[in-house]
Amino acid sequence: MAADDLQSKASDLVKKVLTVGVGAIFLTEESLRGLVSEIKLPKELMGGILESAGKTKNEFLSKLSTEIIDRATEKLDPAALVEEFLSRNDVELNIRMSFKAKKKD
């Protein structure tokens, strides 16, 4: 029974660690802090985990957005897109400007 209990606790700990790892990308800092606090870690270690999670999240989102932009620009030709738009549409631009002298005190 002791071995099963230890295995169960280890399994729960692994699940929580994986949840924190994946959660670092998708959860808010407060939600992540709640998950990490359930594991009962020292404050210094918890602070390090939260800091690392924040860096990982920022790096992941930065790389993801760069990848999406790169893939989109590979498949789109902006010049061809503008040319097609202009060939199908008339563009009308109306500008109204007025100038007034400043009042002197």
PDB file of N, CA and C in Angstrom:
ATOM      1  N   MET A   1       0.814  -1.201   0.000  1.00  0.00           N
ATOM      2  CA  MET A   1       0.000   0.000   0.000  1.00  0.00           C
ATOM      3  C   MET A   1       0.855   1.263   0.000  1.00  0.00           C
ATOM      4  N   ALA A   2       1.977   1.272   0.716  1.00  0.00           N
ATOM      5  CA  ALA A   2       2.829   2.454   0.789  1.00  0.00           C
ATOM      6  C   ALA A   2       3.399   2.785  -0.585  1.00  0.00           C
ATOM      7  N   ALA A   3       3.746   1.755  -1.352  1.00  0.00           N
ATOM      8  CA  ALA A   3       4.287   1.975  -2.697  1.00  0.00           C
ATOM      9  C   ALA A   3       3.218   2.572  -3.613  1.00  0.00           C
ATOM     10  N   ASP A   4       1.988   2.069  -3.493  1.00  0.00           N
ATOM     11  CA  ASP A   4       0.881   2.621  -4.299  1.00  0.00           C
ATOM     12  C   ASP A   4       0.603   4.071  -3.928  1.00  0.00           C
ATOM     13  N   ASP A   5       0.660   4.382  -2.617  1.00  0.00           N
ATOM     14  CA  ASP A   5       0.426   5.752  -2.151  1.00  0.00           C
ATOM     15  C   ASP A   5       1.525   6.688  -2.666  1.00  0.00           C
ATOM     16  N   LEU A   6       2.766   6.230  -2.616  1.00  0.00           N
ATOM     17  CA  LEU A   6       3.890   7.022  -3.105  1.00  0.00           C
ATOM     18  C   LEU A   6       3.774   7.235  -4.614  1.00  0.00           C
ATOM     19  N   GLN A   7       3.391   6.188  -5.334  1.00  0.00           N
ATOM     20  CA  GLN A   7       3.227   6.295  -6.785  1.00  0.00           C
ATOM     21  C   GLN A   7       2.088   7.259  -7.124  1.00  0.00           C
ATOM     22  N   SER A   8       1.018   7.214  -6.347  1.00  0.00           N
ATOM     23  CA  SER A   8      -0.112   8.112  -6.564  1.00  0.00           C
ATOM     24  C   SER A   8       0.299   9.568  -6.329  1.00  0.00           C
ATOM     25  N   LYS A   9       1.055   9.820  -5.263  1.00  0.00           N
ATOM     26  CA  LYS A   9       1.523  11.173  -4.974  1.00  0.00           C
ATOM     27  C   LYS A   9       2.482  11.654  -6.064  1.00  0.00           C
ATOM     28  N   ALA A  10       3.361  10.775  -6.517  1.00  0.00           N
ATOM     29  CA  ALA A  10       4.304  11.142  -7.579  1.00  0.00           C
ATOM     30  C   ALA A  10       3.550  11.446  -8.864  1.00  0.00           C
ATOM     31  N   SER A  11       2.538  10.660  -9.158  1.00  0.00           N
ATOM     32  CA  SER A  11       1.727  10.877 -10.349  1.00  0.00           C
ATOM     33  C   SER A  11       1.014  12.227 -10.280  1.00  0.00           C
ATOM     34  N   ASP A  12       0.446  12.535  -9.121  1.00  0.00           N
ATOM     35  CA  ASP A  12      -0.220  13.822  -8.939  1.00  0.00           C
ATOM     36  C   ASP A  12       0.755  14.983  -9.097  1.00  0.00           C
ATOM     37  N   LEU A  13       1.965  14.827  -8.552  1.00  0.00           N
ATOM     38  CA  LEU A  13       2.972  15.874  -8.662  1.00  0.00           C
ATOM     39  C   LEU A  13       3.371  16.090 -10.120  1.00  0.00           C
ATOM     40  N   VAL A  14       3.558  15.014 -10.865  1.00  0.00           N
ATOM     41  CA  VAL A  14       3.920  15.125 -12.287  1.00  0.00           C
ATOM     42  C   VAL A  14       2.801  15.818 -13.057  1.00  0.00           C
ATOM     43  N   LYS A  15       1.551  15.459 -12.771  1.00  0.00           N
ATOM     44  CA  LYS A  15       0.417  16.104 -13.432  1.00  0.00           C
ATOM     45  C   LYS A  15       0.402  17.602 -13.148  1.00  0.00           C
ATOM     46  N   LYS A  16       0.640  17.978 -11.895  1.00  0.00           N
ATOM     47  CA  LYS A  16       0.635  19.389 -11.537  1.00  0.00           C
ATOM     48  C   LYS A  16       1.792  20.133 -12.212  1.00  0.00           C
ATOM     49  N   VAL A  17       2.958  19.521 -12.252  1.00  0.00           N
ATOM     50  CA  VAL A  17       4.114  20.154 -12.900  1.00  0.00           C
ATOM     51  C   VAL A  17       3.842  20.356 -14.386  1.00  0.00           C
ATOM     52  N   LEU A  18       3.260  19.342 -15.034  1.00  0.00           N
ATOM     53  CA  LEU A  18       2.915  19.486 -16.454  1.00  0.00           C
ATOM     54  C   LEU A  18       1.849  20.548 -16.664  1.00  0.00           C
ATOM     55  N   THR A  19       0.889  20.608 -15.765  1.00  0.00           N
ATOM     56  CA  THR A  19      -0.154  21.624 -15.849  1.00  0.00           C
ATOM     57  C   THR A  19       0.451  23.015 -15.725  1.00  0.00           C
ATOM     58  N   VAL A  20       1.390  23.169 -14.803  1.00  0.00           N
ATOM     59  CA  VAL A  20       2.064  24.457 -14.631  1.00  0.00           C
ATOM     60  C   VAL A  20       2.860  24.801 -15.885  1.00  0.00           C
ATOM     61  N   GLY A  21       3.547  23.824 -16.460  1.00  0.00           N
ATOM     62  CA  GLY A  21       4.341  24.067 -17.664  1.00  0.00           C
ATOM     63  C   GLY A  21       3.493  24.510 -18.836  1.00  0.00           C
ATOM     64  N   VAL A  22       2.424  23.806 -19.093  1.00  0.00           N
ATOM     65  CA  VAL A  22       1.518  24.173 -20.184  1.00  0.00           C
ATOM     66  C   VAL A  22       0.725  25.416 -19.799  1.00  0.00           C
ATOM     67  N   GLY A  23       0.353  25.499 -18.547  1.00  0.00           N
ATOM     68  CA  GLY A  23      -0.413  26.645 -18.072  1.00  0.00           C
ATOM     69  C   GLY A  23       0.353  27.945 -18.162  1.00  0.00           C
ATOM     70  N   ALA A  24       1.678  27.859 -18.127  1.00  0.00           N
ATOM     71  CA  ALA A  24       2.493  29.071 -18.217  1.00  0.00           C
ATOM     72  C   ALA A  24       2.180  29.831 -19.496  1.00  0.00           C
ATOM     73  N   ILE A  25       1.791  29.135 -20.522  1.00  0.00           N
ATOM     74  CA  ILE A  25       1.506  29.777 -21.799  1.00  0.00           C
ATOM     75  C   ILE A  25       0.087  30.331 -21.828  1.00  0.00           C
ATOM     76  N   PHE A  26      -0.861  29.621 -21.273  1.00  0.00           N
ATOM     77  CA  PHE A  26      -2.269  29.959 -21.455  1.00  0.00           C
ATOM     78  C   PHE A  26      -2.960  30.589 -20.241  1.00  0.00           C
ATOM     79  N   LEU A  27      -2.381  30.461 -19.061  1.00  0.00           N
ATOM     80  CA  LEU A  27      -3.048  30.961 -17.866  1.00  0.00           C
ATOM     81  C   LEU A  27      -2.553  32.353 -17.488  1.00  0.00           C
ATOM     82  N   THR A  28      -3.372  33.060 -16.726  1.00  0.00           N
ATOM     83  CA  THR A  28      -2.933  34.340 -16.191  1.00  0.00           C
ATOM     84  C   THR A  28      -1.945  34.071 -15.060  1.00  0.00           C
ATOM     85  N   GLU A  29      -1.201  35.087 -14.681  1.00  0.00           N
ATOM     86  CA  GLU A  29      -0.206  34.905 -13.612  1.00  0.00           C
ATOM     87  C   GLU A  29      -0.879  34.494 -12.308  1.00  0.00           C
ATOM     88  N   GLU A  30      -2.060  35.051 -12.033  1.00  0.00           N
ATOM     89  CA  GLU A  30      -2.764  34.723 -10.790  1.00  0.00           C
ATOM     90  C   GLU A  30      -3.198  33.260 -10.768  1.00  0.00           C
ATOM     91  N   SER A  31      -3.709  32.755 -11.898  1.00  0.00           N
ATOM     92  CA  SER A  31      -4.105  31.348 -11.984  1.00  0.00           C
ATOM     93  C   SER A  31      -2.897  30.446 -11.827  1.00  0.00           C
ATOM     94  N   LEU A  32      -1.804  30.843 -12.467  1.00  0.00           N
ATOM     95  CA  LEU A  32      -0.569  30.064 -12.376  1.00  0.00           C
ATOM     96  C   LEU A  32      -0.042  30.069 -10.944  1.00  0.00           C
ATOM     97  N   ARG A  33      -0.133  31.209 -10.292  1.00  0.00           N
ATOM     98  CA  ARG A  33       0.318  31.303  -8.899  1.00  0.00           C
ATOM     99  C   ARG A  33      -0.501  30.347  -8.011  1.00  0.00           C
ATOM    100  N   GLY A  34      -1.801  30.258  -8.280  1.00  0.00           N
ATOM    101  CA  GLY A  34      -2.653  29.345  -7.522  1.00  0.00           C
ATOM    102  C   GLY A  34      -2.251  27.891  -7.731  1.00  0.00           C
ATOM    103  N   LEU A  35      -1.943  27.532  -8.975  1.00  0.00           N
ATOM    104  CA  LEU A  35      -1.514  26.163  -9.254  1.00  0.00           C
ATOM    105  C   LEU A  35      -0.197  25.840  -8.560  1.00  0.00           C
ATOM    106  N   VAL A  36       0.753  26.759  -8.653  1.00  0.00           N
ATOM    107  CA  VAL A  36       2.062  26.516  -8.059  1.00  0.00           C
ATOM    108  C   VAL A  36       1.960  26.448  -6.540  1.00  0.00           C
ATOM    109  N   SER A  37       1.100  27.255  -5.944  1.00  0.00           N
ATOM    110  CA  SER A  37       0.976  27.255  -4.487  1.00  0.00           C
ATOM    111  C   SER A  37       0.416  25.931  -3.965  1.00  0.00           C
ATOM    112  N   GLU A  38      -0.346  25.215  -4.805  1.00  0.00           N
ATOM    113  CA  GLU A  38      -0.881  23.915  -4.397  1.00  0.00           C
ATOM    114  C   GLU A  38       0.222  22.877  -4.228  1.00  0.00           C
ATOM    115  N   ILE A  39       1.343  23.076  -4.890  1.00  0.00           N
ATOM    116  CA  ILE A  39       2.432  22.105  -4.833  1.00  0.00           C
ATOM    117  C   ILE A  39       3.233  22.247  -3.541  1.00  0.00           C
ATOM    118  N   LYS A  40       3.049  23.327  -2.803  1.00  0.00           N
ATOM    119  CA  LYS A  40       3.712  23.582  -1.516  1.00  0.00           C
ATOM    120  C   LYS A  40       5.226  23.673  -1.688  1.00  0.00           C
ATOM    121  N   LEU A  41       5.664  24.685  -2.403  1.00  0.00           N
ATOM    122  CA  LEU A  41       7.081  24.921  -2.618  1.00  0.00           C
ATOM    123  C   LEU A  41       7.536  26.130  -1.814  1.00  0.00           C
ATOM    124  N   PRO A  42       8.836  26.204  -1.520  1.00  0.00           N
ATOM    125  CA  PRO A  42       9.350  27.405  -0.850  1.00  0.00           C
ATOM    126  C   PRO A  42       9.107  28.639  -1.726  1.00  0.00           C
ATOM    127  N   LYS A  43       8.979  29.809  -1.088  1.00  0.00           N
ATOM    128  CA  LYS A  43       8.663  31.035  -1.804  1.00  0.00           C
ATOM    129  C   LYS A  43       9.707  31.367  -2.870  1.00  0.00           C
ATOM    130  N   GLU A  44      10.986  31.144  -2.565  1.00  0.00           N
ATOM    131  CA  GLU A  44      12.038  31.459  -3.525  1.00  0.00           C
ATOM    132  C   GLU A  44      11.888  30.605  -4.782  1.00  0.00           C
ATOM    133  N   LEU A  45      11.623  29.332  -4.597  1.00  0.00           N
ATOM    134  CA  LEU A  45      11.458  28.418  -5.726  1.00  0.00           C
ATOM    135  C   LEU A  45      10.199  28.764  -6.507  1.00  0.00           C
ATOM    136  N   MET A  46       9.121  29.097  -5.790  1.00  0.00           N
ATOM    137  CA  MET A  46       7.880  29.467  -6.451  1.00  0.00           C
ATOM    138  C   MET A  46       8.083  30.749  -7.266  1.00  0.00           C
ATOM    139  N   GLY A  47       8.810  31.716  -6.714  1.00  0.00           N
ATOM    140  CA  GLY A  47       9.107  32.949  -7.445  1.00  0.00           C
ATOM    141  C   GLY A  47       9.911  32.673  -8.699  1.00  0.00           C
ATOM    142  N   GLY A  48      10.884  31.765  -8.585  1.00  0.00           N
ATOM    143  CA  GLY A  48      11.694  31.393  -9.746  1.00  0.00           C
ATOM    144  C   GLY A  48      10.866  30.715 -10.821  1.00  0.00           C
ATOM    145  N   ILE A  49       9.957  29.853 -10.396  1.00  0.00           N
ATOM    146  CA  ILE A  49       9.081  29.157 -11.351  1.00  0.00           C
ATOM    147  C   ILE A  49       8.173  30.156 -12.056  1.00  0.00           C
ATOM    148  N   LEU A  50       7.594  31.083 -11.309  1.00  0.00           N
ATOM    149  CA  LEU A  50       6.703  32.083 -11.911  1.00  0.00           C
ATOM    150  C   LEU A  50       7.462  33.001 -12.869  1.00  0.00           C
ATOM    151  N   GLU A  51       8.681  33.391 -12.488  1.00  0.00           N
ATOM    152  CA  GLU A  51       9.489  34.239 -13.368  1.00  0.00           C
ATOM    153  C   GLU A  51       9.845  33.494 -14.654  1.00  0.00           C
ATOM    154  N   SER A  52      10.257  32.242 -14.491  1.00  0.00           N
ATOM    155  CA  SER A  52      10.596  31.418 -15.655  1.00  0.00           C
ATOM    156  C   SER A  52       9.370  31.200 -16.538  1.00  0.00           C
ATOM    157  N   ALA A  53       8.223  30.989 -15.918  1.00  0.00           N
ATOM    158  CA  ALA A  53       6.989  30.787 -16.678  1.00  0.00           C
ATOM    159  C   ALA A  53       6.632  32.038 -17.471  1.00  0.00           C
ATOM    160  N   GLY A  54       6.819  33.199 -16.865  1.00  0.00           N
ATOM    161  CA  GLY A  54       6.539  34.449 -17.567  1.00  0.00           C
ATOM    162  C   GLY A  54       7.451  34.637 -18.768  1.00  0.00           C
ATOM    163  N   LYS A  55       8.737  34.351 -18.586  1.00  0.00           N
ATOM    164  CA  LYS A  55       9.690  34.462 -19.693  1.00  0.00           C
ATOM    165  C   LYS A  55       9.344  33.475 -20.795  1.00  0.00           C
ATOM    166  N   THR A  56       9.010  32.254 -20.406  1.00  0.00           N
ATOM    167  CA  THR A  56       8.656  31.224 -21.381  1.00  0.00           C
ATOM    168  C   THR A  56       7.418  31.632 -22.163  1.00  0.00           C
ATOM    169  N   LYS A  57       6.427  32.177 -21.477  1.00  0.00           N
ATOM    170  CA  LYS A  57       5.197  32.612 -22.136  1.00  0.00           C
ATOM    171  C   LYS A  57       5.490  33.716 -23.142  1.00  0.00           C
ATOM    172  N   ASN A  58       6.262  34.714 -22.723  1.00  0.00           N
ATOM    173  CA  ASN A  58       6.589  35.817 -23.629  1.00  0.00           C
ATOM    174  C   ASN A  58       7.376  35.333 -24.835  1.00  0.00           C
ATOM    175  N   GLU A  59       8.333  34.450 -24.607  1.00  0.00           N
ATOM    176  CA  GLU A  59       9.140  33.911 -25.703  1.00  0.00           C
ATOM    177  C   GLU A  59       8.275  33.083 -26.654  1.00  0.00           C
ATOM    178  N   PHE A  60       7.405  32.253 -26.105  1.00  0.00           N
ATOM    179  CA  PHE A  60       6.521  31.421 -26.920  1.00  0.00           C
ATOM    180  C   PHE A  60       5.609  32.279 -27.791  1.00  0.00           C
ATOM    181  N   LEU A  61       4.972  33.273 -27.180  1.00  0.00           N
ATOM    182  CA  LEU A  61       4.048  34.123 -27.935  1.00  0.00           C
ATOM    183  C   LEU A  61       4.784  34.947 -28.986  1.00  0.00           C
ATOM    184  N   SER A  62       5.990  35.376 -28.663  1.00  0.00           N
ATOM    185  CA  SER A  62       6.788  36.130 -29.634  1.00  0.00           C
ATOM    186  C   SER A  62       7.138  35.262 -30.835  1.00  0.00           C
ATOM    187  N   LYS A  63       7.607  34.048 -30.557  1.00  0.00           N
ATOM    188  CA  LYS A  63       7.960  33.135 -31.647  1.00  0.00           C
ATOM    189  C   LYS A  63       6.731  32.730 -32.453  1.00  0.00           C
ATOM    190  N   LEU A  64       5.616  32.527 -31.778  1.00  0.00           N
ATOM    191  CA  LEU A  64       4.380  32.151 -32.464  1.00  0.00           C
ATOM    192  C   LEU A  64       3.932  33.259 -33.405  1.00  0.00           C
ATOM    193  N   SER A  65       3.935  34.495 -32.922  1.00  0.00           N
ATOM    194  CA  SER A  65       3.497  35.603 -33.779  1.00  0.00           C
ATOM    195  C   SER A  65       4.453  35.804 -34.945  1.00  0.00           C
ATOM    196  N   THR A  66       5.752  35.652 -34.710  1.00  0.00           N
ATOM    197  CA  THR A  66       6.728  35.765 -35.789  1.00  0.00           C
ATOM    198  C   THR A  66       6.508  34.674 -36.824  1.00  0.00           C
ATOM    199  N   GLU A  67       6.256  33.472 -36.374  1.00  0.00           N
ATOM    200  CA  GLU A  67       6.017  32.347 -37.284  1.00  0.00           C
ATOM    201  C   GLU A  67       4.758  32.572 -38.120  1.00  0.00           C
ATOM    202  N   ILE A  68       3.707  33.055 -37.491  1.00  0.00           N
ATOM    203  CA  ILE A  68       2.455  33.310 -38.218  1.00  0.00           C
ATOM    204  C   ILE A  68       2.664  34.387 -39.274  1.00  0.00           C
ATOM    205  N   ILE A  69       3.349  35.458 -38.891  1.00  0.00           N
ATOM    206  CA  ILE A  69       3.612  36.543 -39.849  1.00  0.00           C
ATOM    207  C   ILE A  69       4.484  36.046 -40.991  1.00  0.00           C
ATOM    208  N   ASP A  70       5.525  35.270 -40.676  1.00  0.00           N
ATOM    209  CA  ASP A  70       6.411  34.731 -41.720  1.00  0.00           C
ATOM    210  C   ASP A  70       5.640  33.852 -42.700  1.00  0.00           C
ATOM    211  N   ARG A  71       4.801  32.994 -42.183  1.00  0.00           N
ATOM    212  CA  ARG A  71       4.024  32.104 -43.059  1.00  0.00           C
ATOM    213  C   ARG A  71       3.030  32.880 -43.907  1.00  0.00           C
ATOM    214  N   ALA A  72       2.428  33.895 -43.316  1.00  0.00           N
ATOM    215  CA  ALA A  72       1.462  34.698 -44.068  1.00  0.00           C
ATOM    216  C   ALA A  72       2.161  35.466 -45.185  1.00  0.00           C
ATOM    217  N   THR A  73       3.322  36.027 -44.900  1.00  0.00           N
ATOM    218  CA  THR A  73       4.016  36.800 -45.928  1.00  0.00           C
ATOM    219  C   THR A  73       4.608  35.911 -47.009  1.00  0.00           C
ATOM    220  N   GLU A  74       4.893  34.654 -46.686  1.00  0.00           N
ATOM    221  CA  GLU A  74       5.360  33.715 -47.714  1.00  0.00           C
ATOM    222  C   GLU A  74       4.266  33.453 -48.744  1.00  0.00           C
ATOM    223  N   LYS A  75       3.027  33.420 -48.295  1.00  0.00           N
ATOM    224  CA  LYS A  75       1.918  33.055 -49.173  1.00  0.00           C
ATOM    225  C   LYS A  75       1.237  34.265 -49.796  1.00  0.00           C
ATOM    226  N   LEU A  76       1.489  35.442 -49.273  1.00  0.00           N
ATOM    227  CA  LEU A  76       0.860  36.645 -49.795  1.00  0.00           C
ATOM    228  C   LEU A  76       1.906  37.552 -50.414  1.00  0.00           C
ATOM    229  N   ASP A  77       1.550  38.115 -51.533  1.00  0.00           N
ATOM    230  CA  ASP A  77       2.392  39.123 -52.173  1.00  0.00           C
ATOM    231  C   ASP A  77       1.674  40.454 -51.995  1.00  0.00           C
ATOM    232  N   PRO A  78       2.150  41.305 -51.079  1.00  0.00           N
ATOM    233  CA  PRO A  78       1.434  42.558 -50.805  1.00  0.00           C
ATOM    234  C   PRO A  78       1.233  43.418 -52.050  1.00  0.00           C
ATOM    235  N   ALA A  79       2.235  43.483 -52.909  1.00  0.00           N
ATOM    236  CA  ALA A  79       2.101  44.301 -54.119  1.00  0.00           C
ATOM    237  C   ALA A  79       0.994  43.755 -55.021  1.00  0.00           C
ATOM    238  N   ALA A  80       0.945  42.435 -55.178  1.00  0.00           N
ATOM    239  CA  ALA A  80      -0.093  41.818 -56.008  1.00  0.00           C
ATOM    240  C   ALA A  80      -1.470  42.009 -55.373  1.00  0.00           C
ATOM    241  N   LEU A  81      -1.518  41.955 -54.066  1.00  0.00           N
ATOM    242  CA  LEU A  81      -2.783  42.137 -53.355  1.00  0.00           C
ATOM    243  C   LEU A  81      -3.316  43.560 -53.557  1.00  0.00           C
ATOM    244  N   VAL A  82      -2.452  44.551 -53.435  1.00  0.00           N
ATOM    245  CA  VAL A  82      -2.858  45.942 -53.647  1.00  0.00           C
ATOM    246  C   VAL A  82      -3.263  46.157 -55.101  1.00  0.00           C
ATOM    247  N   GLU A  83      -2.483  45.593 -56.007  1.00  0.00           N
ATOM    248  CA  GLU A  83      -2.799  45.726 -57.437  1.00  0.00           C
ATOM    249  C   GLU A  83      -4.165  45.123 -57.754  1.00  0.00           C
ATOM    250  N   GLU A  84      -4.446  43.961 -57.213  1.00  0.00           N
ATOM    251  CA  GLU A  84      -5.751  43.329 -57.443  1.00  0.00           C
ATOM    252  C   GLU A  84      -6.877  44.159 -56.841  1.00  0.00           C
ATOM    253  N   PHE A  85      -6.666  44.662 -55.648  1.00  0.00           N
ATOM    254  CA  PHE A  85      -7.683  45.492 -54.998  1.00  0.00           C
ATOM    255  C   PHE A  85      -7.987  46.727 -55.832  1.00  0.00           C
ATOM    256  N   LEU A  86      -6.933  47.390 -56.316  1.00  0.00           N
ATOM    257  CA  LEU A  86      -7.127  48.609 -57.105  1.00  0.00           C
ATOM    258  C   LEU A  86      -7.748  48.322 -58.466  1.00  0.00           C
ATOM    259  N   SER A  87      -7.474  47.142 -59.009  1.00  0.00           N
ATOM    260  CA  SER A  87      -8.074  46.811 -60.309  1.00  0.00           C
ATOM    261  C   SER A  87      -9.557  46.510 -60.178  1.00  0.00           C
ATOM    262  N   ARG A  88     -10.008  46.114 -59.016  1.00  0.00           N
ATOM    263  CA  ARG A  88     -11.416  45.761 -58.802  1.00  0.00           C
ATOM    264  C   ARG A  88     -12.227  46.893 -58.174  1.00  0.00           C
ATOM    265  N   ASN A  89     -11.564  47.900 -57.668  1.00  0.00           N
ATOM    266  CA  ASN A  89     -12.268  48.945 -56.924  1.00  0.00           C
ATOM    267  C   ASN A  89     -11.850  50.329 -57.398  1.00  0.00           C
ATOM    268  N   ASP A  90     -12.807  51.238 -57.339  1.00  0.00           N
ATOM    269  CA  ASP A  90     -12.494  52.641 -57.539  1.00  0.00           C
ATOM    270  C   ASP A  90     -12.180  53.214 -56.165  1.00  0.00           C
ATOM    271  N   VAL A  91     -11.166  54.026 -56.110  1.00  0.00           N
ATOM    272  CA  VAL A  91     -10.793  54.637 -54.841  1.00  0.00           C
ATOM    273  C   VAL A  91     -11.131  56.119 -54.909  1.00  0.00           C
ATOM    274  N   GLU A  92     -11.883  56.559 -53.940  1.00  0.00           N
ATOM    275  CA  GLU A  92     -12.257  57.964 -53.863  1.00  0.00           C
ATOM    276  C   GLU A  92     -11.770  58.491 -52.530  1.00  0.00           C
ATOM    277  N   LEU A  93     -11.044  59.581 -52.593  1.00  0.00           N
ATOM    278  CA  LEU A  93     -10.474  60.152 -51.385  1.00  0.00           C
ATOM    279  C   LEU A  93     -10.962  61.584 -51.255  1.00  0.00           C
ATOM    280  N   ASN A  94     -11.639  61.890 -50.183  1.00  0.00           N
ATOM    281  CA  ASN A  94     -12.141  63.235 -49.912  1.00  0.00           C
ATOM    282  C   ASN A  94     -11.401  63.785 -48.706  1.00  0.00           C
ATOM    283  N   ILE A  95     -10.808  64.952 -48.891  1.00  0.00           N
ATOM    284  CA  ILE A  95     -10.088  65.572 -47.783  1.00  0.00           C
ATOM    285  C   ILE A  95     -10.663  66.975 -47.578  1.00  0.00           C
ATOM    286  N   ARG A  96     -10.952  67.277 -46.358  1.00  0.00           N
ATOM    287  CA  ARG A  96     -11.443  68.616 -46.030  1.00  0.00           C
ATOM    288  C   ARG A  96     -10.504  69.185 -44.979  1.00  0.00           C
ATOM    289  N   MET A  97      -9.923  70.294 -45.288  1.00  0.00           N
ATOM    290  CA  MET A  97      -8.991  70.931 -44.366  1.00  0.00           C
ATOM    291  C   MET A  97      -9.387  72.386 -44.206  1.00  0.00           C
ATOM    292  N   SER A  98      -9.189  72.893 -43.027  1.00  0.00           N
ATOM    293  CA  SER A  98      -9.422  74.320 -42.811  1.00  0.00           C
ATOM    294  C   SER A  98      -8.337  74.832 -41.877  1.00  0.00           C
ATOM    295  N   PHE A  99      -7.999  76.089 -42.081  1.00  0.00           N
ATOM    296  CA  PHE A  99      -6.975  76.709 -41.260  1.00  0.00           C
ATOM    297  C   PHE A  99      -7.561  77.969 -40.650  1.00  0.00           C
ATOM    298  N   LYS A 100      -7.344  78.163 -39.399  1.00  0.00           N
ATOM    299  CA  LYS A 100      -7.848  79.355 -38.698  1.00  0.00           C
ATOM    300  C   LYS A 100      -6.687  79.995 -37.971  1.00  0.00           C
ATOM    301  N   ALA A 101      -6.657  81.283 -38.018  1.00  0.00           N
ATOM    302  CA  ALA A 101      -5.611  82.022 -37.322  1.00  0.00           C
ATOM    303  C   ALA A 101      -5.796  81.869 -35.818  1.00  0.00           C
ATOM    304  N   LYS A 102      -4.692  81.814 -35.140  1.00  0.00           N
ATOM    305  CA  LYS A 102      -4.750  81.716 -33.683  1.00  0.00           C
ATOM    306  C   LYS A 102      -5.138  83.068 -33.109  1.00  0.00           C
ATOM    307  N   LYS A 103      -5.911  83.030 -32.055  1.00  0.00           N
ATOM    308  CA  LYS A 103      -6.293  84.277 -31.389  1.00  0.00           C
ATOM    309  C   LYS A 103      -5.139  84.719 -30.502  1.00  0.00           C
ATOM    310  N   LYS A 104      -4.811  85.989 -30.605  1.00  0.00           N
ATOM    311  CA  LYS A 104      -3.751  86.547 -29.760  1.00  0.00           C
ATOM    312  C   LYS A 104      -4.380  87.176 -28.543  1.00  0.00           C
ATOM    313  N   ASP A 105      -3.786  86.930 -27.418  1.00  0.00           N
ATOM    314  CA  ASP A 105      -4.340  87.477 -26.156  1.00  0.00           C
ATOM    315  C   ASP A 105      -3.919  88.867 -25.909  1.00  0.00           C
TER     316      ASP A 105
END
